[in-house]
C-alpha cells in the first residue's frame, strides 16, 4: 500500500517551492528547514554573497554529514555483527558443554 503523494509548500533561502512527496508534510518541511539553515549558515557564516554558491556549500556540508553518518553506522553495524558472532560462539560452547554433561550423567546412570 503506497502513501498518497501530496504537494507541500516550503521556503528555502527566501524562495517558495512546491514539493510533491509521499513522505509527509511535517517531515518534508523539516528537511526543507534543514536545507534552508545550511544555506543561511553558508551565506552568513561563510560570507558568500551568491545564493547558488551558498547552496553548493550547504550541499557539501550536508553530504559530509551524510558520509560521516554512514561511516558511523557501518562501524556500529560491524561492532554489532562481531558481538553477535561472539555470543553465538559462546552459546554453542554452552550447548556442547550441556550435551556432554547429560551424556556423562546417562553413562553414570546406565
PDB file of N, CA and C in Angstrom:
ATOM      1  N   UNK A   1       0.844  -1.170   0.000  1.00  0.00           N
ATOM      2  CA  UNK A   1       0.000   0.000   0.000  1.00  0.00           C
ATOM      3  C   UNK A   1       0.890   1.233   0.000  1.00  0.00           C
ATOM      4  N   UNK A   2       0.791   2.066  -1.046  1.00  0.00           N
ATOM      5  CA  UNK A   2       1.635   3.247  -1.137  1.00  0.00           C
ATOM      6  C   UNK A   2       0.956   4.448  -0.496  1.00  0.00           C
ATOM      7  N   UNK A   3       1.793   5.345  -0.009  1.00  0.00           N
ATOM      8  CA  UNK A   3       1.281   6.560   0.603  1.00  0.00           C
ATOM      9  C   UNK A   3       0.803   7.512  -0.487  1.00  0.00           C
ATOM     10  N   UNK A   4      -0.090   8.367  -0.102  1.00  0.00           N
ATOM     11  CA  UNK A   4      -0.622   9.345  -1.047  1.00  0.00           C
ATOM     12  C   UNK A   4       0.388  10.467  -1.264  1.00  0.00           C
ATOM     13  N   UNK A   5       0.669  10.776  -2.531  1.00  0.00           N
ATOM     14  CA  UNK A   5       1.556  11.900  -2.851  1.00  0.00           C
ATOM     15  C   UNK A   5       0.778  13.191  -2.716  1.00  0.00           C
ATOM     16  N   UNK A   6       1.441  14.163  -2.103  1.00  0.00           N
ATOM     17  CA  UNK A   6       0.802  15.458  -1.942  1.00  0.00           C
ATOM     18  C   UNK A   6       1.833  16.542  -2.180  1.00  0.00           C
ATOM     19  N   UNK A   7       1.360  17.742  -2.367  1.00  0.00           N
ATOM     20  CA  UNK A   7       2.234  18.888  -2.580  1.00  0.00           C
ATOM     21  C   UNK A   7       2.388  19.639  -1.267  1.00  0.00           C
ATOM     22  N   UNK A   8       3.648  19.895  -0.919  1.00  0.00           N
ATOM     23  CA  UNK A   8       3.957  20.615   0.313  1.00  0.00           C
ATOM     24  C   UNK A   8       4.685  21.893  -0.079  1.00  0.00           C
ATOM     25  N   UNK A   9       4.225  23.008   0.458  1.00  0.00           N
ATOM     26  CA  UNK A   9       4.854  24.296   0.172  1.00  0.00           C
ATOM     27  C   UNK A   9       5.937  24.563   1.213  1.00  0.00           C
ATOM     28  N   UNK A  10       7.146  24.846   0.729  1.00  0.00           N
ATOM     29  CA  UNK A  10       8.260  25.156   1.605  1.00  0.00           C
ATOM     30  C   UNK A  10       8.971  26.411   1.106  1.00  0.00           C
ATOM     31  N   UNK A  11       9.721  27.039   2.000  1.00  0.00           N
ATOM     32  CA  UNK A  11      10.529  28.195   1.634  1.00  0.00           C
ATOM     33  C   UNK A  11      11.972  27.886   1.984  1.00  0.00           C
ATOM     34  N   UNK A  12      12.823  28.006   0.968  1.00  0.00           N
ATOM     35  CA  UNK A  12      14.252  27.770   1.148  1.00  0.00           C
ATOM     36  C   UNK A  12      14.995  28.984   0.610  1.00  0.00           C
ATOM     37  N   UNK A  13      15.739  29.626   1.492  1.00  0.00           N
ATOM     38  CA  UNK A  13      16.546  30.797   1.166  1.00  0.00           C
ATOM     39  C   UNK A  13      15.709  31.885   0.485  1.00  0.00           C
ATOM     40  N   UNK A  14      14.506  32.068   1.038  1.00  0.00           N
ATOM     41  CA  UNK A  14      13.622  33.127   0.566  1.00  0.00           C
ATOM     42  C   UNK A  14      12.806  32.788  -0.672  1.00  0.00           C
ATOM     43  N   UNK A  15      12.982  31.611  -1.200  1.00  0.00           N
ATOM     44  CA  UNK A  15      12.247  31.178  -2.393  1.00  0.00           C
ATOM     45  C   UNK A  15      11.216  30.130  -1.994  1.00  0.00           C
ATOM     46  N   UNK A  16      10.012  30.260  -2.545  1.00  0.00           N
ATOM     47  CA  UNK A  16       8.951  29.280  -2.282  1.00  0.00           C
ATOM     48  C   UNK A  16       9.023  28.150  -3.297  1.00  0.00           C
ATOM     49  N   UNK A  17       8.814  26.940  -2.802  1.00  0.00           N
ATOM     50  CA  UNK A  17       8.834  25.743  -3.647  1.00  0.00           C
ATOM     51  C   UNK A  17       7.625  24.877  -3.312  1.00  0.00           C
ATOM     52  N   UNK A  18       7.090  24.246  -4.331  1.00  0.00           N
ATOM     53  CA  UNK A  18       6.028  23.257  -4.172  1.00  0.00           C
ATOM     54  C   UNK A  18       6.688  21.889  -4.361  1.00  0.00           C
ATOM     55  N   UNK A  19       6.737  21.108  -3.302  1.00  0.00           N
ATOM     56  CA  UNK A  19       7.394  19.802  -3.345  1.00  0.00           C
ATOM     57  C   UNK A  19       6.335  18.705  -3.369  1.00  0.00           C
ATOM     58  N   UNK A  20       6.388  17.865  -4.406  1.00  0.00           N
ATOM     59  CA  UNK A  20       5.489  16.703  -4.461  1.00  0.00           C
ATOM     60  C   UNK A  20       6.183  15.545  -3.760  1.00  0.00           C
ATOM     61  N   UNK A  21       5.515  14.996  -2.747  1.00  0.00           N
ATOM     62  CA  UNK A  21       6.148  13.966  -1.938  1.00  0.00           C
ATOM     63  C   UNK A  21       5.115  13.051  -1.315  1.00  0.00           C
ATOM     64  N   UNK A  22       5.575  11.873  -0.940  1.00  0.00           N
ATOM     65  CA  UNK A  22       4.730  10.960  -0.170  1.00  0.00           C
ATOM     66  C   UNK A  22       5.325  10.755   1.225  1.00  0.00           C
ATOM     67  N   UNK A  23       6.277  11.599   1.589  1.00  0.00           N
ATOM     68  CA  UNK A  23       6.962  11.456   2.875  1.00  0.00           C
ATOM     69  C   UNK A  23       6.271  12.185   4.016  1.00  0.00           C
ATOM     70  N   UNK A  24       5.242  12.905   3.748  1.00  0.00           N
ATOM     71  CA  UNK A  24       4.524  13.613   4.802  1.00  0.00           C
ATOM     72  C   UNK A  24       4.923  15.075   4.877  1.00  0.00           C
ATOM     73  N   UNK A  25       3.956  15.891   5.217  1.00  0.00           N
ATOM     74  CA  UNK A  25       4.175  17.335   5.238  1.00  0.00           C
ATOM     75  C   UNK A  25       5.188  17.742   6.308  1.00  0.00           C
ATOM     76  N   UNK A  26       5.025  17.229   7.505  1.00  0.00           N
ATOM     77  CA  UNK A  26       5.915  17.623   8.608  1.00  0.00           C
ATOM     78  C   UNK A  26       7.363  17.267   8.285  1.00  0.00           C
ATOM     79  N   UNK A  27       7.591  16.055   7.841  1.00  0.00           N
ATOM     80  CA  UNK A  27       8.945  15.608   7.514  1.00  0.00           C
ATOM     81  C   UNK A  27       9.543  16.437   6.379  1.00  0.00           C
ATOM     82  N   UNK A  28       8.759  16.695   5.346  1.00  0.00           N
ATOM     83  CA  UNK A  28       9.233  17.481   4.207  1.00  0.00           C
ATOM     84  C   UNK A  28       9.606  18.891   4.640  1.00  0.00           C
ATOM     85  N   UNK A  29       8.792  19.479   5.490  1.00  0.00           N
ATOM     86  CA  UNK A  29       9.100  20.824   5.988  1.00  0.00           C
ATOM     87  C   UNK A  29      10.350  20.816   6.866  1.00  0.00           C
ATOM     88  N   UNK A  30      10.542  19.770   7.652  1.00  0.00           N
ATOM     89  CA  UNK A  30      11.753  19.665   8.468  1.00  0.00           C
ATOM     90  C   UNK A  30      12.990  19.544   7.578  1.00  0.00           C
ATOM     91  N   UNK A  31      12.891  18.770   6.518  1.00  0.00           N
ATOM     92  CA  UNK A  31      14.010  18.642   5.574  1.00  0.00           C
ATOM     93  C   UNK A  31      14.312  19.983   4.917  1.00  0.00           C
ATOM     94  N   UNK A  32      13.272  20.663   4.478  1.00  0.00           N
ATOM     95  CA  UNK A  32      13.451  21.970   3.840  1.00  0.00           C
ATOM     96  C   UNK A  32      14.069  22.967   4.816  1.00  0.00           C
ATOM     97  N   UNK A  33      13.642  22.932   6.059  1.00  0.00           N
ATOM     98  CA  UNK A  33      14.203  23.836   7.067  1.00  0.00           C
ATOM     99  C   UNK A  33      15.677  23.535   7.296  1.00  0.00           C
ATOM    100  N   UNK A  34      16.027  22.268   7.276  1.00  0.00           N
ATOM    101  CA  UNK A  34      17.427  21.868   7.454  1.00  0.00           C
ATOM    102  C   UNK A  34      18.285  22.411   6.317  1.00  0.00           C
ATOM    103  N   UNK A  35      17.783  22.274   5.088  1.00  0.00           N
ATOM    104  CA  UNK A  35      18.490  22.799   3.914  1.00  0.00           C
ATOM    105  C   UNK A  35      18.582  24.317   4.006  1.00  0.00           C
ATOM    106  N   UNK A  36      17.492  24.970   4.353  1.00  0.00           N
ATOM    107  CA  UNK A  36      17.494  26.427   4.481  1.00  0.00           C
ATOM    108  C   UNK A  36      18.518  26.878   5.522  1.00  0.00           C
ATOM    109  N   UNK A  37      18.539  26.203   6.672  1.00  0.00           N
ATOM    110  CA  UNK A  37      19.504  26.549   7.716  1.00  0.00           C
ATOM    111  C   UNK A  37      20.939  26.398   7.217  1.00  0.00           C
ATOM    112  N   UNK A  38      21.208  25.324   6.480  1.00  0.00           N
ATOM    113  CA  UNK A  38      22.561  25.095   5.962  1.00  0.00           C
ATOM    114  C   UNK A  38      22.950  26.179   4.953  1.00  0.00           C
ATOM    115  N   UNK A  39      22.015  26.579   4.101  1.00  0.00           N
ATOM    116  CA  UNK A  39      22.307  27.638   3.126  1.00  0.00           C
ATOM    117  C   UNK A  39      22.518  28.967   3.841  1.00  0.00           C
ATOM    118  N   UNK A  40      21.662  29.262   4.814  1.00  0.00           N
ATOM    119  CA  UNK A  40      21.819  30.504   5.580  1.00  0.00           C
ATOM    120  C   UNK A  40      23.181  30.529   6.276  1.00  0.00           C
ATOM    121  N   UNK A  41      23.572  29.405   6.860  1.00  0.00           N
ATOM    122  CA  UNK A  41      24.862  29.321   7.542  1.00  0.00           C
ATOM    123  C   UNK A  41      26.012  29.576   6.569  1.00  0.00           C
ATOM    124  N   UNK A  42      25.936  28.980   5.377  1.00  0.00           N
ATOM    125  CA  UNK A  42      26.980  29.186   4.367  1.00  0.00           C
ATOM    126  C   UNK A  42      26.977  30.630   3.882  1.00  0.00           C
ATOM    127  N   UNK A  43      25.794  31.192   3.746  1.00  0.00           N
ATOM    128  CA  UNK A  43      25.658  32.559   3.236  1.00  0.00           C
ATOM    129  C   UNK A  43      26.199  33.572   4.252  1.00  0.00           C
ATOM    130  N   UNK A  44      25.749  33.471   5.485  1.00  0.00           N
ATOM    131  CA  UNK A  44      26.126  34.446   6.512  1.00  0.00           C
ATOM    132  C   UNK A  44      27.492  34.092   7.114  1.00  0.00           C
ATOM    133  N   UNK A  45      27.629  32.842   7.570  1.00  0.00           N
ATOM    134  CA  UNK A  45      28.870  32.433   8.235  1.00  0.00           C
ATOM    135  C   UNK A  45      30.052  32.353   7.294  1.00  0.00           C
ATOM    136  N   UNK A  46      29.797  31.975   6.062  1.00  0.00           N
ATOM    137  CA  UNK A  46      30.874  31.848   5.082  1.00  0.00           C
ATOM    138  C   UNK A  46      31.072  33.097   4.261  1.00  0.00           C
ATOM    139  N   UNK A  47      30.250  34.110   4.535  1.00  0.00           N
ATOM    140  CA  UNK A  47      30.335  35.384   3.819  1.00  0.00           C
ATOM    141  C   UNK A  47      30.253  35.177   2.309  1.00  0.00           C
ATOM    142  N   UNK A  48      29.303  34.361   1.896  1.00  0.00           N
ATOM    143  CA  UNK A  48      29.098  34.072   0.478  1.00  0.00           C
ATOM    144  C   UNK A  48      27.887  34.861   0.008  1.00  0.00           C
ATOM    145  N   UNK A  49      28.089  35.740  -0.963  1.00  0.00           N
ATOM    146  CA  UNK A  49      27.007  36.608  -1.423  1.00  0.00           C
ATOM    147  C   UNK A  49      26.081  35.911  -2.421  1.00  0.00           C
ATOM    148  N   UNK A  50      26.653  35.087  -3.296  1.00  0.00           N
ATOM    149  CA  UNK A  50      25.854  34.484  -4.358  1.00  0.00           C
ATOM    150  C   UNK A  50      25.054  33.299  -3.815  1.00  0.00           C
ATOM    151  N   UNK A  51      23.730  33.322  -4.006  1.00  0.00           N
ATOM    152  CA  UNK A  51      22.881  32.245  -3.480  1.00  0.00           C
ATOM    153  C   UNK A  51      23.275  30.860  -3.984  1.00  0.00           C
ATOM    154  N   UNK A  52      23.639  30.745  -5.274  1.00  0.00           N
ATOM    155  CA  UNK A  52      23.977  29.418  -5.799  1.00  0.00           C
ATOM    156  C   UNK A  52      25.250  28.877  -5.159  1.00  0.00           C
ATOM    157  N   UNK A  53      26.199  29.741  -4.827  1.00  0.00           N
ATOM    158  CA  UNK A  53      27.415  29.285  -4.156  1.00  0.00           C
ATOM    159  C   UNK A  53      27.105  28.868  -2.720  1.00  0.00           C
ATOM    160  N   UNK A  54      26.230  29.607  -2.061  1.00  0.00           N
ATOM    161  CA  UNK A  54      25.810  29.224  -0.704  1.00  0.00           C
ATOM    162  C   UNK A  54      25.107  27.870  -0.736  1.00  0.00           C
ATOM    163  N   UNK A  55      24.291  27.631  -1.759  1.00  0.00           N
ATOM    164  CA  UNK A  55      23.592  26.349  -1.890  1.00  0.00           C
ATOM    165  C   UNK A  55      24.578  25.209  -2.113  1.00  0.00           C
ATOM    166  N   UNK A  56      25.618  25.465  -2.917  1.00  0.00           N
ATOM    167  CA  UNK A  56      26.622  24.430  -3.166  1.00  0.00           C
ATOM    168  C   UNK A  56      27.397  24.121  -1.889  1.00  0.00           C
ATOM    169  N   UNK A  57      27.789  25.152  -1.141  1.00  0.00           N
ATOM    170  CA  UNK A  57      28.486  24.924   0.124  1.00  0.00           C
ATOM    171  C   UNK A  57      27.592  24.165   1.110  1.00  0.00           C
ATOM    172  N   UNK A  58      26.309  24.510   1.134  1.00  0.00           N
ATOM    173  CA  UNK A  58      25.368  23.802   2.008  1.00  0.00           C
ATOM    174  C   UNK A  58      25.248  22.339   1.588  1.00  0.00           C
ATOM    175  N   UNK A  59      25.196  22.091   0.279  1.00  0.00           N
ATOM    176  CA  UNK A  59      25.113  20.713  -0.212  1.00  0.00           C
ATOM    177  C   UNK A  59      26.352  19.919   0.186  1.00  0.00           C
ATOM    178  N   UNK A  60      27.520  20.548   0.114  1.00  0.00           N
ATOM    179  CA  UNK A  60      28.751  19.870   0.526  1.00  0.00           C
ATOM    180  C   UNK A  60      28.735  19.568   2.022  1.00  0.00           C
ATOM    181  N   UNK A  61      28.252  20.498   2.825  1.00  0.00           N
ATOM    182  CA  UNK A  61      28.171  20.288   4.274  1.00  0.00           C
ATOM    183  C   UNK A  61      27.223  19.138   4.588  1.00  0.00           C
ATOM    184  N   UNK A  62      26.055  19.133   3.957  1.00  0.00           N
ATOM    185  CA  UNK A  62      25.068  18.079   4.206  1.00  0.00           C
ATOM    186  C   UNK A  62      25.594  16.725   3.722  1.00  0.00           C
ATOM    187  N   UNK A  63      26.303  16.716   2.591  1.00  0.00           N
ATOM    188  CA  UNK A  63      26.884  15.479   2.070  1.00  0.00           C
ATOM    189  C   UNK A  63      27.948  14.945   3.028  1.00  0.00           C
ATOM    190  N   UNK A  64      28.759  15.848   3.576  1.00  0.00           N
ATOM    191  CA  UNK A  64      29.755  15.437   4.565  1.00  0.00           C
ATOM    192  C   UNK A  64      29.070  14.797   5.771  1.00  0.00           C
ATOM    193  N   UNK A  65      27.993  15.411   6.252  1.00  0.00           N
ATOM    194  CA  UNK A  65      27.246  14.852   7.383  1.00  0.00           C
ATOM    195  C   UNK A  65      26.719  13.460   7.040  1.00  0.00           C
ATOM    196  N   UNK A  66      26.196  13.297   5.830  1.00  0.00           N
ATOM    197  CA  UNK A  66      25.674  12.002   5.386  1.00  0.00           C
ATOM    198  C   UNK A  66      26.775  10.952   5.358  1.00  0.00           C
ATOM    199  N   UNK A  67      27.910  11.287   4.751  1.00  0.00           N
ATOM    200  CA  UNK A  67      29.011  10.327   4.656  1.00  0.00           C
ATOM    201  C   UNK A  67      29.526   9.937   6.038  1.00  0.00           C
ATOM    202  N   UNK A  68      29.627  10.913   6.941  1.00  0.00           N
ATOM    203  CA  UNK A  68      30.087  10.614   8.292  1.00  0.00           C
ATOM    204  C   UNK A  68      29.071   9.716   9.026  1.00  0.00           C
ATOM    205  N   UNK A  69      27.785   9.995   8.839  1.00  0.00           N
ATOM    206  CA  UNK A  69      26.750   9.177   9.480  1.00  0.00           C
ATOM    207  C   UNK A  69      26.771   7.753   8.925  1.00  0.00           C
ATOM    208  N   UNK A  70      26.973   7.620   7.622  1.00  0.00           N
ATOM    209  CA  UNK A  70      27.065   6.284   7.019  1.00  0.00           C
ATOM    210  C   UNK A  70      28.256   5.511   7.570  1.00  0.00           C
ATOM    211  N   UNK A  71      29.393   6.197   7.687  1.00  0.00           N
ATOM    212  CA  UNK A  71      30.597   5.535   8.220  1.00  0.00           C
ATOM    213  C   UNK A  71      30.374   5.114   9.668  1.00  0.00           C
ATOM    214  N   UNK A  72      29.743   5.972  10.446  1.00  0.00           N
ATOM    215  CA  UNK A  72      29.456   5.623  11.836  1.00  0.00           C
ATOM    216  C   UNK A  72      28.501   4.438  11.916  1.00  0.00           C
ATOM    217  N   UNK A  73      27.469   4.451  11.073  1.00  0.00           N
ATOM    218  CA  UNK A  73      26.509   3.349  11.065  1.00  0.00           C
ATOM    219  C   UNK A  73      27.193   2.049  10.646  1.00  0.00           C
ATOM    220  N   UNK A  74      28.092   2.125   9.667  1.00  0.00           N
ATOM    221  CA  UNK A  74      28.811   0.922   9.230  1.00  0.00           C
ATOM    222  C   UNK A  74      29.684   0.392  10.361  1.00  0.00           C
ATOM    223  N   UNK A  75      30.327   1.297  11.088  1.00  0.00           N
ATOM    224  CA  UNK A  75      31.149   0.884  12.221  1.00  0.00           C
ATOM    225  C   UNK A  75      30.321   0.227  13.305  1.00  0.00           C
ATOM    226  N   UNK A  76      29.167   0.817  13.597  1.00  0.00           N
ATOM    227  CA  UNK A  76      28.281   0.234  14.604  1.00  0.00           C
ATOM    228  C   UNK A  76      27.743  -1.113  14.145  1.00  0.00           C
ATOM    229  N   UNK A  77      27.434  -1.205  12.868  1.00  0.00           N
ATOM    230  CA  UNK A  77      26.929  -2.468  12.329  1.00  0.00           C
ATOM    231  C   UNK A  77      27.987  -3.561  12.456  1.00  0.00           C
ATOM    232  N   UNK A  78      29.227  -3.217  12.169  1.00  0.00           N
ATOM    233  CA  UNK A  78      30.312  -4.186  12.301  1.00  0.00           C
ATOM    234  C   UNK A  78      30.506  -4.594  13.762  1.00  0.00           C
ATOM    235  N   UNK A  79      30.407  -3.625  14.652  1.00  0.00           N
ATOM    236  CA  UNK A  79      30.529  -3.896  16.086  1.00  0.00           C
ATOM    237  C   UNK A  79      29.433  -4.861  16.551  1.00  0.00           C
ATOM    238  N   UNK A  80      28.201  -4.614  16.106  1.00  0.00           N
ATOM    239  CA  UNK A  80      27.080  -5.480  16.477  1.00  0.00           C
ATOM    240  C   UNK A  80      27.279  -6.876  15.883  1.00  0.00           C
ATOM    241  N   UNK A  81      27.705  -6.934  14.612  1.00  0.00           N
ATOM    242  CA  UNK A  81      27.931  -8.232  13.960  1.00  0.00           C
ATOM    243  C   UNK A  81      28.999  -9.031  14.717  1.00  0.00           C
ATOM    244  N   UNK A  82      30.098  -8.374  15.112  1.00  0.00           N
ATOM    245  CA  UNK A  82      31.149  -9.051  15.866  1.00  0.00           C
ATOM    246  C   UNK A  82      30.624  -9.547  17.216  1.00  0.00           C
ATOM    247  N   UNK A  83      29.812  -8.728  17.861  1.00  0.00           N
ATOM    248  CA  UNK A  83      29.262  -9.104  19.171  1.00  0.00           C
ATOM    249  C   UNK A  83      28.320 -10.299  19.041  1.00  0.00           C
ATOM    250  N   UNK A  84      27.499 -10.303  17.991  1.00  0.00           N
ATOM    251  CA  UNK A  84      26.577 -11.421  17.752  1.00  0.00           C
ATOM    252  C   UNK A  84      27.368 -12.706  17.488  1.00  0.00           C
ATOM    253  N   UNK A  85      28.423 -12.601  16.697  1.00  0.00           N
ATOM    254  CA  UNK A  85      29.249 -13.782  16.428  1.00  0.00           C
ATOM    255  C   UNK A  85      29.865 -14.312  17.716  1.00  0.00           C
ATOM    256  N   UNK A  86      30.351 -13.410  18.571  1.00  0.00           N
ATOM    257  CA  UNK A  86      30.941 -13.809  19.849  1.00  0.00           C
ATOM    258  C   UNK A  86      29.899 -14.502  20.730  1.00  0.00           C
ATOM    259  N   UNK A  87      28.719 -13.915  20.831  1.00  0.00           N
ATOM    260  CA  UNK A  87      27.665 -14.505  21.662  1.00  0.00           C
ATOM    261  C   UNK A  87      27.193 -15.842  21.095  1.00  0.00           C
ATOM    262  N   UNK A  88      27.120 -15.947  19.788  1.00  0.00           N
ATOM    263  CA  UNK A  88      26.722 -17.208  19.153  1.00  0.00           C
ATOM    264  C   UNK A  88      27.741 -18.301  19.473  1.00  0.00           C
ATOM    265  N   UNK A  89      29.013 -17.957  19.394  1.00  0.00           N
ATOM    266  CA  UNK A  89      30.053 -18.934  19.716  1.00  0.00           C
ATOM    267  C   UNK A  89      29.957 -19.363  21.180  1.00  0.00           C
ATOM    268  N   UNK A  90      29.708 -18.420  22.060  1.00  0.00           N
ATOM    269  CA  UNK A  90      29.564 -18.756  23.480  1.00  0.00           C
ATOM    270  C   UNK A  90      28.367 -19.668  23.718  1.00  0.00           C
ATOM    271  N   UNK A  91      27.253 -19.369  23.043  1.00  0.00           N
ATOM    272  CA  UNK A  91      26.068 -20.222  23.184  1.00  0.00           C
ATOM    273  C   UNK A  91      26.344 -21.633  22.691  1.00  0.00           C
ATOM    274  N   UNK A  92      27.065 -21.764  21.602  1.00  0.00           N
ATOM    275  CA  UNK A  92      27.416 -23.090  21.080  1.00  0.00           C
ATOM    276  C   UNK A  92      28.280 -23.842  22.081  1.00  0.00           C
ATOM    277  N   UNK A  93      29.223 -23.121  22.729  1.00  0.00           N
ATOM    278  CA  UNK A  93      30.061 -23.755  23.746  1.00  0.00           C
ATOM    279  C   UNK A  93      29.204 -24.243  24.916  1.00  0.00           C
ATOM    280  N   UNK A  94      28.245 -23.437  25.336  1.00  0.00           N
ATOM    281  CA  UNK A  94      27.359 -23.810  26.442  1.00  0.00           C
ATOM    282  C   UNK A  94      26.520 -25.024  26.067  1.00  0.00           C
ATOM    283  N   UNK A  95      25.973 -25.029  24.837  1.00  0.00           N
ATOM    284  CA  UNK A  95      25.177 -26.172  24.381  1.00  0.00           C
ATOM    285  C   UNK A  95      26.013 -27.445  24.360  1.00  0.00           C
ATOM    286  N   UNK A  96      27.231 -27.329  23.821  1.00  0.00           N
ATOM    287  CA  UNK A  96      28.105 -28.510  23.745  1.00  0.00           C
ATOM    288  C   UNK A  96      28.440 -29.006  25.142  1.00  0.00           C
ATOM    289  N   UNK A  97      28.727 -28.099  26.042  1.00  0.00           N
ATOM    290  CA  UNK A  97      29.041 -28.475  27.425  1.00  0.00           C
ATOM    291  C   UNK A  97      27.834 -29.120  28.093  1.00  0.00           C
ATOM    292  N   UNK A  98      26.662 -28.594  27.831  1.00  0.00           N
ATOM    293  CA  UNK A  98      25.433 -29.144  28.408  1.00  0.00           C
ATOM    294  C   UNK A  98      25.177 -30.556  27.884  1.00  0.00           C
ATOM    295  N   UNK A  99      25.396 -30.772  26.582  1.00  0.00           N
ATOM    296  CA  UNK A  99      25.228 -32.100  25.994  1.00  0.00           C
ATOM    297  C   UNK A  99      26.203 -33.093  26.603  1.00  0.00           C
ATOM    298  N   UNK A 100      27.447 -32.661  26.787  1.00  0.00           N
ATOM    299  CA  UNK A 100      28.461 -33.541  27.378  1.00  0.00           C
ATOM    300  C   UNK A 100      28.078 -33.910  28.808  1.00  0.00           C
ATOM    301  N   UNK A 101      27.543 -32.945  29.551  1.00  0.00           N
ATOM    302  CA  UNK A 101      27.128 -33.218  30.937  1.00  0.00           C
ATOM    303  C   UNK A 101      25.995 -34.231  30.963  1.00  0.00           C
ATOM    304  N   UNK A 102      25.021 -34.065  30.060  1.00  0.00           N
ATOM    305  CA  UNK A 102      23.904 -35.018  30.013  1.00  0.00           C
ATOM    306  C   UNK A 102      24.389 -36.397  29.616  1.00  0.00           C
ATOM    307  N   UNK A 103      25.282 -36.483  28.654  1.00  0.00           N
ATOM    308  CA  UNK A 103      25.822 -37.785  28.235  1.00  0.00           C
ATOM    309  C   UNK A 103      26.585 -38.441  29.374  1.00  0.00           C
ATOM    310  N   UNK A 104      27.331 -37.662  30.129  1.00  0.00           N
ATOM    311  CA  UNK A 104      28.078 -38.207  31.269  1.00  0.00           C
ATOM    312  C   UNK A 104      27.103 -38.711  32.337  1.00  0.00           C
ATOM    313  N   UNK A 105      26.042 -37.989  32.602  1.00  0.00           N
ATOM    314  CA  UNK A 105      25.042 -38.398  33.596  1.00  0.00           C
ATOM    315  C   UNK A 105      24.377 -39.691  33.154  1.00  0.00           C
ATOM    316  N   UNK A 106      24.028 -39.796  31.864  1.00  0.00           N
ATOM    317  CA  UNK A 106      23.390 -41.014  31.351  1.00  0.00           C
ATOM    318  C   UNK A 106      24.349 -42.208  31.482  1.00  0.00           C
ATOM    319  N   UNK A 107      25.600 -42.004  31.195  1.00  0.00           N
ATOM    320  CA  UNK A 107      26.568 -43.086  31.273  1.00  0.00           C
ATOM    321  C   UNK A 107      26.732 -43.561  32.714  1.00  0.00           C
ATOM    322  N   UNK A 108      26.703 -42.617  33.648  1.00  0.00           N
ATOM    323  CA  UNK A 108      26.856 -42.991  35.043  1.00  0.00           C
ATOM    324  C   UNK A 108      25.610 -43.723  35.543  1.00  0.00           C
ATOM    325  N   UNK A 109      24.444 -43.308  35.049  1.00  0.00           N
ATOM    326  CA  UNK A 109      23.191 -43.948  35.490  1.00  0.00           C
ATOM    327  C   UNK A 109      23.035 -45.303  34.802  1.00  0.00           C
ATOM    328  N   UNK A 110      23.502 -45.427  33.616  1.00  0.00           N
ATOM    329  CA  UNK A 110      23.241 -46.561  32.781  1.00  0.00           C
ATOM    330  C   UNK A 110      23.926 -47.784  33.139  1.00  0.00           C
TER     331      UNK A 110
END
